[in-house]
Amino acid sequence: MAKAHLTVAPEAYESGLVWDEALFTELASTFLQPSVQPLLASPFASRDEAAIVEGQLAQSLVNSYRRILQQRQDVRVQQLNALL
């Protein structure tokens, strides 16, 4: 769901962000662990409730992914990375 939103959403094209499969895969594998997101291990009363939680988690993943890509484009971040 999150990947579809990032690759299809018009704002992805407008912002000029380039898709980074490796970053998304790493972020998703870390972000979607029950130890990080306890709701993933919780039972839900209905499919609707599960869909709401899935949507919220997907949006959080999208927001994190976008923030990381935007920070990569920041000149100060690039300069600090060059020092490492």
N, C-alpha and C. Protein backbone atom coordinates (compact mmCIF):
# COMPACT_ATOMS: atom_id res chain seq x y z
N MET A 1 0.83 -1.18 0.00
CA MET A 1 0.00 0.00 0.00
C MET A 1 0.88 1.26 0.00
N ALA A 2 1.88 1.31 0.86
CA ALA A 2 2.75 2.48 0.93
C ALA A 2 3.54 2.66 -0.36
N LYS A 3 4.07 1.57 -0.89
CA LYS A 3 4.85 1.64 -2.12
C LYS A 3 3.98 2.12 -3.27
N ALA A 4 2.76 1.63 -3.34
CA ALA A 4 1.85 2.07 -4.39
C ALA A 4 1.58 3.56 -4.28
N HIS A 5 1.40 4.04 -3.08
CA HIS A 5 1.14 5.47 -2.89
C HIS A 5 2.34 6.30 -3.32
N LEU A 6 3.51 5.83 -3.01
CA LEU A 6 4.72 6.58 -3.36
C LEU A 6 5.00 6.58 -4.85
N THR A 7 4.68 5.50 -5.53
CA THR A 7 5.02 5.40 -6.95
C THR A 7 3.92 5.90 -7.86
N VAL A 8 2.72 6.09 -7.34
CA VAL A 8 1.59 6.51 -8.17
C VAL A 8 1.13 7.93 -7.83
N ALA A 9 1.35 8.37 -6.62
CA ALA A 9 0.83 9.66 -6.17
C ALA A 9 1.42 10.81 -6.98
N PRO A 10 0.57 11.75 -7.41
CA PRO A 10 1.06 12.90 -8.19
C PRO A 10 2.12 13.71 -7.47
N GLU A 11 2.03 13.83 -6.15
CA GLU A 11 3.01 14.63 -5.42
C GLU A 11 4.41 14.03 -5.50
N ALA A 12 4.50 12.74 -5.76
CA ALA A 12 5.81 12.12 -5.93
C ALA A 12 6.51 12.68 -7.16
N TYR A 13 5.75 12.91 -8.21
CA TYR A 13 6.33 13.47 -9.43
C TYR A 13 6.61 14.97 -9.27
N GLU A 14 5.71 15.66 -8.59
CA GLU A 14 5.85 17.10 -8.42
C GLU A 14 7.06 17.44 -7.55
N SER A 15 7.36 16.61 -6.57
CA SER A 15 8.46 16.91 -5.65
C SER A 15 9.82 16.60 -6.25
N GLY A 16 9.84 15.84 -7.35
CA GLY A 16 11.11 15.51 -7.99
C GLY A 16 11.88 14.42 -7.27
N LEU A 17 11.24 13.71 -6.36
CA LEU A 17 11.92 12.64 -5.63
C LEU A 17 12.07 11.42 -6.54
N VAL A 18 13.24 10.82 -6.50
CA VAL A 18 13.54 9.65 -7.31
C VAL A 18 13.32 8.40 -6.46
N TRP A 19 12.70 7.38 -7.06
CA TRP A 19 12.41 6.15 -6.33
C TRP A 19 13.71 5.43 -5.96
N ASP A 20 13.82 5.02 -4.70
CA ASP A 20 14.98 4.29 -4.20
C ASP A 20 14.49 2.98 -3.60
N GLU A 21 14.54 1.92 -4.40
CA GLU A 21 14.03 0.61 -3.98
C GLU A 21 14.76 0.08 -2.75
N ALA A 22 16.08 0.23 -2.72
CA ALA A 22 16.87 -0.28 -1.59
C ALA A 22 16.48 0.43 -0.29
N LEU A 23 16.33 1.74 -0.35
CA LEU A 23 15.92 2.50 0.83
C LEU A 23 14.55 2.06 1.29
N PHE A 24 13.60 1.96 0.36
CA PHE A 24 12.24 1.59 0.73
C PHE A 24 12.22 0.19 1.36
N THR A 25 12.95 -0.74 0.78
CA THR A 25 12.98 -2.11 1.30
C THR A 25 13.56 -2.15 2.71
N GLU A 26 14.66 -1.44 2.92
CA GLU A 26 15.27 -1.41 4.25
C GLU A 26 14.36 -0.73 5.26
N LEU A 27 13.78 0.38 4.87
CA LEU A 27 12.89 1.11 5.77
C LEU A 27 11.67 0.27 6.12
N ALA A 28 11.06 -0.36 5.12
CA ALA A 28 9.87 -1.17 5.35
C ALA A 28 10.19 -2.37 6.25
N SER A 29 11.32 -3.03 6.00
CA SER A 29 11.65 -4.21 6.82
C SER A 29 11.91 -3.83 8.27
N THR A 30 12.45 -2.66 8.49
CA THR A 30 12.68 -2.18 9.86
C THR A 30 11.39 -1.66 10.48
N PHE A 31 10.68 -0.84 9.73
CA PHE A 31 9.49 -0.17 10.21
C PHE A 31 8.35 -1.14 10.53
N LEU A 32 8.24 -2.21 9.74
CA LEU A 32 7.10 -3.11 9.87
C LEU A 32 7.37 -4.32 10.76
N GLN A 33 8.27 -4.19 11.70
CA GLN A 33 8.51 -5.25 12.68
C GLN A 33 7.58 -5.04 13.87
N PRO A 34 7.00 -6.12 14.40
CA PRO A 34 6.11 -5.97 15.55
C PRO A 34 6.76 -5.28 16.75
N SER A 35 8.08 -5.40 16.89
CA SER A 35 8.75 -4.73 18.01
C SER A 35 8.76 -3.21 17.82
N VAL A 36 8.71 -2.77 16.57
CA VAL A 36 8.68 -1.33 16.26
C VAL A 36 7.23 -0.84 16.18
N GLN A 37 6.38 -1.66 15.61
CA GLN A 37 4.96 -1.33 15.45
C GLN A 37 4.12 -2.40 16.16
N PRO A 38 3.90 -2.26 17.46
CA PRO A 38 3.16 -3.28 18.21
C PRO A 38 1.76 -3.57 17.66
N LEU A 39 1.17 -2.61 16.97
CA LEU A 39 -0.16 -2.84 16.41
C LEU A 39 -0.17 -4.00 15.41
N LEU A 40 0.97 -4.29 14.81
CA LEU A 40 1.03 -5.38 13.84
C LEU A 40 0.77 -6.73 14.50
N ALA A 41 1.05 -6.85 15.77
CA ALA A 41 0.86 -8.11 16.48
C ALA A 41 -0.47 -8.16 17.23
N SER A 42 -1.26 -7.10 17.10
CA SER A 42 -2.52 -7.02 17.82
C SER A 42 -3.66 -7.61 17.00
N PRO A 43 -4.58 -8.30 17.68
CA PRO A 43 -5.77 -8.78 16.96
C PRO A 43 -6.72 -7.60 16.72
N PHE A 44 -7.46 -7.67 15.63
CA PHE A 44 -8.40 -6.61 15.30
C PHE A 44 -9.82 -7.16 15.34
N ALA A 45 -10.75 -6.31 15.74
CA ALA A 45 -12.14 -6.72 15.86
C ALA A 45 -12.78 -6.94 14.50
N SER A 46 -12.28 -6.25 13.48
CA SER A 46 -12.88 -6.37 12.15
C SER A 46 -11.84 -6.09 11.08
N ARG A 47 -12.19 -6.43 9.86
CA ARG A 47 -11.31 -6.11 8.73
C ARG A 47 -11.21 -4.61 8.53
N ASP A 48 -12.29 -3.91 8.82
CA ASP A 48 -12.28 -2.45 8.67
C ASP A 48 -11.27 -1.82 9.63
N GLU A 49 -11.24 -2.32 10.86
CA GLU A 49 -10.29 -1.80 11.84
C GLU A 49 -8.86 -2.11 11.39
N ALA A 50 -8.63 -3.31 10.90
CA ALA A 50 -7.30 -3.68 10.40
C ALA A 50 -6.90 -2.81 9.22
N ALA A 51 -7.85 -2.50 8.34
CA ALA A 51 -7.57 -1.66 7.17
C ALA A 51 -7.20 -0.24 7.59
N ILE A 52 -7.85 0.26 8.62
CA ILE A 52 -7.54 1.61 9.12
C ILE A 52 -6.11 1.65 9.66
N VAL A 53 -5.75 0.64 10.46
CA VAL A 53 -4.39 0.58 11.01
C VAL A 53 -3.38 0.42 9.89
N GLU A 54 -3.68 -0.43 8.91
CA GLU A 54 -2.79 -0.62 7.77
C GLU A 54 -2.56 0.71 7.04
N GLY A 55 -3.63 1.46 6.85
CA GLY A 55 -3.51 2.76 6.18
C GLY A 55 -2.66 3.73 6.97
N GLN A 56 -2.83 3.74 8.29
CA GLN A 56 -2.04 4.63 9.14
C GLN A 56 -0.56 4.25 9.11
N LEU A 57 -0.28 2.96 9.19
CA LEU A 57 1.12 2.52 9.14
C LEU A 57 1.74 2.81 7.78
N ALA A 58 0.96 2.60 6.72
CA ALA A 58 1.47 2.89 5.38
C ALA A 58 1.78 4.37 5.23
N GLN A 59 0.91 5.23 5.76
CA GLN A 59 1.14 6.67 5.66
C GLN A 59 2.37 7.07 6.46
N SER A 60 2.58 6.46 7.62
CA SER A 60 3.78 6.74 8.41
C SER A 60 5.04 6.32 7.67
N LEU A 61 4.97 5.18 7.00
CA LEU A 61 6.10 4.70 6.21
C LEU A 61 6.38 5.65 5.05
N VAL A 62 5.33 6.09 4.37
CA VAL A 62 5.46 7.05 3.27
C VAL A 62 6.10 8.34 3.77
N ASN A 63 5.62 8.84 4.89
CA ASN A 63 6.16 10.10 5.43
C ASN A 63 7.64 9.96 5.79
N SER A 64 8.02 8.84 6.39
CA SER A 64 9.42 8.61 6.74
C SER A 64 10.29 8.52 5.50
N TYR A 65 9.82 7.79 4.50
CA TYR A 65 10.56 7.63 3.25
C TYR A 65 10.79 8.99 2.58
N ARG A 66 9.74 9.78 2.48
CA ARG A 66 9.85 11.11 1.85
C ARG A 66 10.81 12.00 2.62
N ARG A 67 10.71 11.97 3.95
CA ARG A 67 11.58 12.82 4.77
C ARG A 67 13.05 12.44 4.55
N ILE A 68 13.34 11.16 4.49
CA ILE A 68 14.72 10.72 4.26
C ILE A 68 15.21 11.18 2.89
N LEU A 69 14.39 11.02 1.86
CA LEU A 69 14.80 11.46 0.52
C LEU A 69 15.01 12.97 0.46
N GLN A 70 14.14 13.72 1.12
CA GLN A 70 14.29 15.17 1.13
C GLN A 70 15.55 15.58 1.88
N GLN A 71 15.86 14.88 2.96
CA GLN A 71 17.08 15.20 3.72
C GLN A 71 18.32 14.89 2.90
N ARG A 72 18.26 13.85 2.08
CA ARG A 72 19.40 13.52 1.21
C ARG A 72 19.71 14.66 0.25
N GLN A 73 18.68 15.40 -0.15
CA GLN A 73 18.87 16.49 -1.10
C GLN A 73 19.35 17.77 -0.43
N ASP A 74 19.27 17.83 0.88
CA ASP A 74 19.70 19.01 1.63
C ASP A 74 21.22 19.14 1.54
N VAL A 75 21.68 20.32 1.18
CA VAL A 75 23.11 20.57 0.99
C VAL A 75 23.90 20.30 2.27
N ARG A 76 23.37 20.72 3.41
CA ARG A 76 24.07 20.49 4.67
C ARG A 76 24.22 19.00 4.97
N VAL A 77 23.17 18.25 4.70
CA VAL A 77 23.23 16.80 4.93
C VAL A 77 24.26 16.18 4.00
N GLN A 78 24.30 16.62 2.76
CA GLN A 78 25.29 16.10 1.81
C GLN A 78 26.71 16.41 2.26
N GLN A 79 26.91 17.62 2.78
CA GLN A 79 28.24 17.99 3.27
C GLN A 79 28.65 17.15 4.47
N LEU A 80 27.72 16.93 5.38
CA LEU A 80 28.02 16.10 6.55
C LEU A 80 28.29 14.66 6.14
N ASN A 81 27.53 14.14 5.19
CA ASN A 81 27.77 12.78 4.71
C ASN A 81 29.14 12.66 4.04
N ALA A 82 29.56 13.71 3.36
CA ALA A 82 30.87 13.69 2.70
C ALA A 82 32.00 13.61 3.73
N LEU A 83 31.76 14.14 4.91
CA LEU A 83 32.77 14.10 5.96
C LEU A 83 32.91 12.71 6.58
N LEU A 84 31.89 11.90 6.43
CA LEU A 84 31.93 10.55 7.03
C LEU A 84 32.78 9.63 6.26
